[in-house]
Amino acid sequence: MVHIPSLSPKIGDVILRRTNDASYRYTLTTTGEAPQIACATFEEAIARADAFAQSHNVEVWHTDDGHVFTRLVERRAVSST
């Protein structure tokens, strides 16, 4: 069976979104939830998102508009069956 990568986040994946808020530049959330963590820098956001993704076996995605997503970190195990 050939693995075809997902083009959008799945339930539980982490979404990193850039904001226009002056007090924080990025927010982290899981799919379908309101923003949960505010981060001042991209580096902080990706470090926190990666730590969560690693411990929960999910992926990290980035979006500017909520419609187009780019996968940044792939932590989900690919099934061989």
Protein backbone atom coordinates (compact mmCIF):
# COMPACT_ATOMS: atom_id res chain seq x y z
CA MET A 1 0.00 0.00 0.00
CA VAL A 2 1.31 3.44 -0.91
CA HIS A 3 1.11 6.17 1.74
CA ILE A 4 -0.41 9.38 0.37
CA PRO A 5 0.39 12.30 2.67
CA SER A 6 -2.43 14.42 4.03
CA LEU A 7 -2.82 17.91 2.58
CA SER A 8 -4.62 19.29 5.61
CA PRO A 9 -4.57 18.81 9.39
CA LYS A 10 -6.32 15.88 11.02
CA ILE A 11 -8.16 15.97 14.32
CA GLY A 12 -5.66 16.54 17.12
CA ASP A 13 -2.93 18.06 14.94
CA VAL A 14 -1.32 21.31 16.08
CA ILE A 15 -1.91 24.44 14.02
CA LEU A 16 0.49 27.37 14.22
CA ARG A 17 -1.02 30.63 12.98
CA ARG A 18 0.55 34.06 12.60
CA THR A 19 -1.47 36.90 14.12
CA ASN A 20 -1.58 40.67 13.80
CA ASP A 21 -1.63 41.15 17.57
CA ALA A 22 1.22 43.35 18.83
CA SER A 23 1.60 41.45 22.13
CA TYR A 24 2.09 38.03 20.50
CA ARG A 25 2.88 37.00 16.94
CA TYR A 26 1.77 33.35 16.79
CA THR A 27 -0.92 31.17 18.31
CA LEU A 28 -1.06 27.42 18.72
CA THR A 29 -4.21 25.38 18.70
CA THR A 30 -5.35 21.86 17.97
CA THR A 31 -7.68 21.20 15.06
CA GLY A 32 -11.12 22.70 15.57
CA GLU A 33 -10.29 24.54 18.79
CA ALA A 34 -9.87 28.20 19.69
CA PRO A 35 -6.26 29.45 20.02
CA GLN A 36 -4.78 28.01 23.21
CA ILE A 37 -1.18 29.23 23.44
CA ALA A 38 0.25 32.62 22.44
CA CYS A 39 3.93 32.84 21.42
CA ALA A 40 6.08 35.90 20.80
CA THR A 41 8.32 34.32 18.15
CA PHE A 42 8.15 31.66 15.45
CA GLU A 43 10.99 29.79 17.17
CA GLU A 44 9.06 29.63 20.45
CA ALA A 45 5.90 28.53 18.66
CA ILE A 46 7.59 25.75 16.69
CA ALA A 47 9.49 24.49 19.75
CA ARG A 48 6.30 24.27 21.81
CA ALA A 49 4.31 22.77 18.93
CA ASP A 50 7.02 20.19 18.22
CA ALA A 51 7.19 19.12 21.88
CA PHE A 52 3.41 18.62 21.93
CA ALA A 53 3.43 16.81 18.59
CA GLN A 54 6.16 14.45 19.72
CA SER A 55 4.37 13.51 22.94
CA HIS A 56 0.96 13.12 21.25
CA ASN A 57 2.05 11.55 17.93
CA VAL A 58 0.47 14.31 15.83
CA GLU A 59 1.65 16.71 13.13
CA VAL A 60 2.32 20.46 13.17
CA TRP A 61 0.87 22.70 10.48
CA HIS A 62 1.25 26.40 9.65
CA THR A 63 -1.44 28.62 8.14
CA ASP A 64 -1.86 32.32 7.56
CA ASP A 65 -5.50 32.21 6.49
CA GLY A 66 -7.02 29.00 7.89
CA HIS A 67 -7.52 27.58 4.39
CA VAL A 68 -4.04 26.77 3.06
CA PHE A 69 -1.86 24.63 5.33
CA THR A 70 1.81 23.70 5.23
CA ARG A 71 3.01 20.72 7.25
CA LEU A 72 6.02 21.72 9.36
CA VAL A 73 6.53 18.63 11.53
CA GLU A 74 5.46 15.06 10.81
CA ARG A 75 5.24 12.95 13.96
CA ARG A 76 2.35 10.62 13.10
CA ALA A 77 3.41 7.02 12.59
CA VAL A 78 2.62 5.64 9.14
CA SER A 79 0.80 2.32 9.26
CA SER A 80 2.21 -0.41 7.03
CA THR A 81 -1.16 -2.15 6.70
